[in-house]
Structures are given as C-alpha cells and as structure tokens.
Amino acid sequence: MKVTAPPIKGQANNALLTFMAQVLAVPKSDLSIMRGFASRHKVIAIHGLTPEALKEKLAQALPGKQLPLT
C-alpha cells in the first residue's frame, strides 16, 4: 500500500494506521506497527479481530483480489 503522507515525524505511519482502521472498522488504538517504523515493509498488529474476520474485511475492501490462506 502506498500513502501520500511524507515519511517525516511518523506522518506516513500515522496515515497508514488511520487508513487501516477505517478499512477494518476498528479503533486506531487497536492497530500498532510492530516492525518497520522506518521501512517500506511493516508488520502491523491488529487487536480485536480473529484471523477469519480480518480476512473477510480485507476481502470486502479488496474485491477481486485473492488473499493468501495463511
């Protein structure tokens, strides 16, 4: 995913978490970046959703995309 916010003072990370919270319909406080704060590759923890619910919400947000089973 690409965001338009600049990678200055966490603005891009904040934009990413805000967008993910909207797409997943969870509070932003339920999301956290675990690894990759200064990298293009990030690991995001999502609290309060089962893997099945996460997959369903992503499938709704990304129609026509095949999601991996893991």
Protein backbone atom coordinates (compact mmCIF):
# COMPACT_ATOMS: atom_id res chain seq x y z
CA MET A 1 0.00 0.00 0.00
CA LYS A 2 1.22 3.49 -0.72
CA VAL A 3 0.28 6.58 1.25
CA THR A 4 0.75 10.17 0.19
CA ALA A 5 1.84 11.45 3.60
CA PRO A 6 5.56 12.18 3.82
CA PRO A 7 7.76 9.88 5.89
CA ILE A 8 8.56 12.73 8.27
CA LYS A 9 7.94 12.50 12.02
CA GLY A 10 5.75 9.41 11.58
CA GLN A 11 3.23 11.08 9.26
CA ALA A 12 3.25 8.17 6.77
CA ASN A 13 2.92 5.59 9.55
CA ASN A 14 0.03 7.57 11.06
CA ALA A 15 -1.70 7.78 7.67
CA LEU A 16 -1.29 4.04 7.17
CA LEU A 17 -2.77 3.19 10.58
CA THR A 18 -5.65 5.66 10.07
CA PHE A 19 -6.50 4.11 6.70
CA MET A 20 -6.24 0.55 8.03
CA ALA A 21 -8.51 1.42 10.97
CA GLN A 22 -11.14 2.79 8.57
CA VAL A 23 -10.94 -0.21 6.22
CA LEU A 24 -11.10 -2.73 9.05
CA ALA A 25 -13.69 -0.75 11.04
CA VAL A 26 -11.64 -0.95 14.23
CA PRO A 27 -10.37 1.79 16.53
CA LYS A 28 -6.95 3.08 15.52
CA SER A 29 -5.80 2.20 19.03
CA ASP A 30 -6.27 -1.49 18.10
CA LEU A 31 -3.51 -1.21 15.49
CA SER A 32 0.21 -0.91 16.07
CA ILE A 33 3.33 -1.15 13.97
CA MET A 34 5.44 -3.94 15.41
CA ARG A 35 8.37 -3.73 12.98
CA GLY A 36 9.43 -1.45 10.17
CA PHE A 37 8.79 2.03 11.55
CA ALA A 38 11.34 3.48 9.14
CA SER A 39 10.95 0.86 6.42
CA ARG A 40 8.64 0.36 3.47
CA HIS A 41 7.97 -3.14 4.81
CA LYS A 42 5.98 -3.17 8.03
CA VAL A 43 4.48 -5.70 10.40
CA ILE A 44 1.20 -4.44 11.85
CA ALA A 45 -0.51 -5.98 14.88
CA ILE A 46 -4.31 -5.90 14.81
CA HIS A 47 -6.06 -6.45 18.12
CA GLY A 48 -9.69 -7.47 18.48
CA LEU A 49 -10.15 -9.31 15.17
CA THR A 50 -9.91 -13.02 14.57
CA PRO A 51 -7.86 -14.07 11.54
CA GLU A 52 -11.11 -15.07 9.83
CA ALA A 53 -12.74 -11.68 10.48
CA LEU A 54 -9.62 -9.90 9.26
CA LYS A 55 -9.60 -11.92 6.06
CA GLU A 56 -13.29 -11.21 5.49
CA LYS A 57 -12.87 -7.46 5.98
CA LEU A 58 -9.87 -7.38 3.65
CA ALA A 59 -11.77 -9.38 1.03
CA GLN A 60 -14.59 -6.83 1.19
CA ALA A 61 -12.15 -3.93 0.90
CA LEU A 62 -10.22 -5.57 -1.95
CA PRO A 63 -12.81 -7.18 -4.18
CA GLY A 64 -11.37 -9.38 -6.89
CA LYS A 65 -8.05 -9.87 -5.07
CA GLN A 66 -7.08 -13.35 -3.97
CA LEU A 67 -5.82 -13.36 -0.40
CA PRO A 68 -3.34 -15.97 0.88
CA LEU A 69 -4.69 -18.61 3.23
CA THR A 70 -2.02 -18.06 5.90
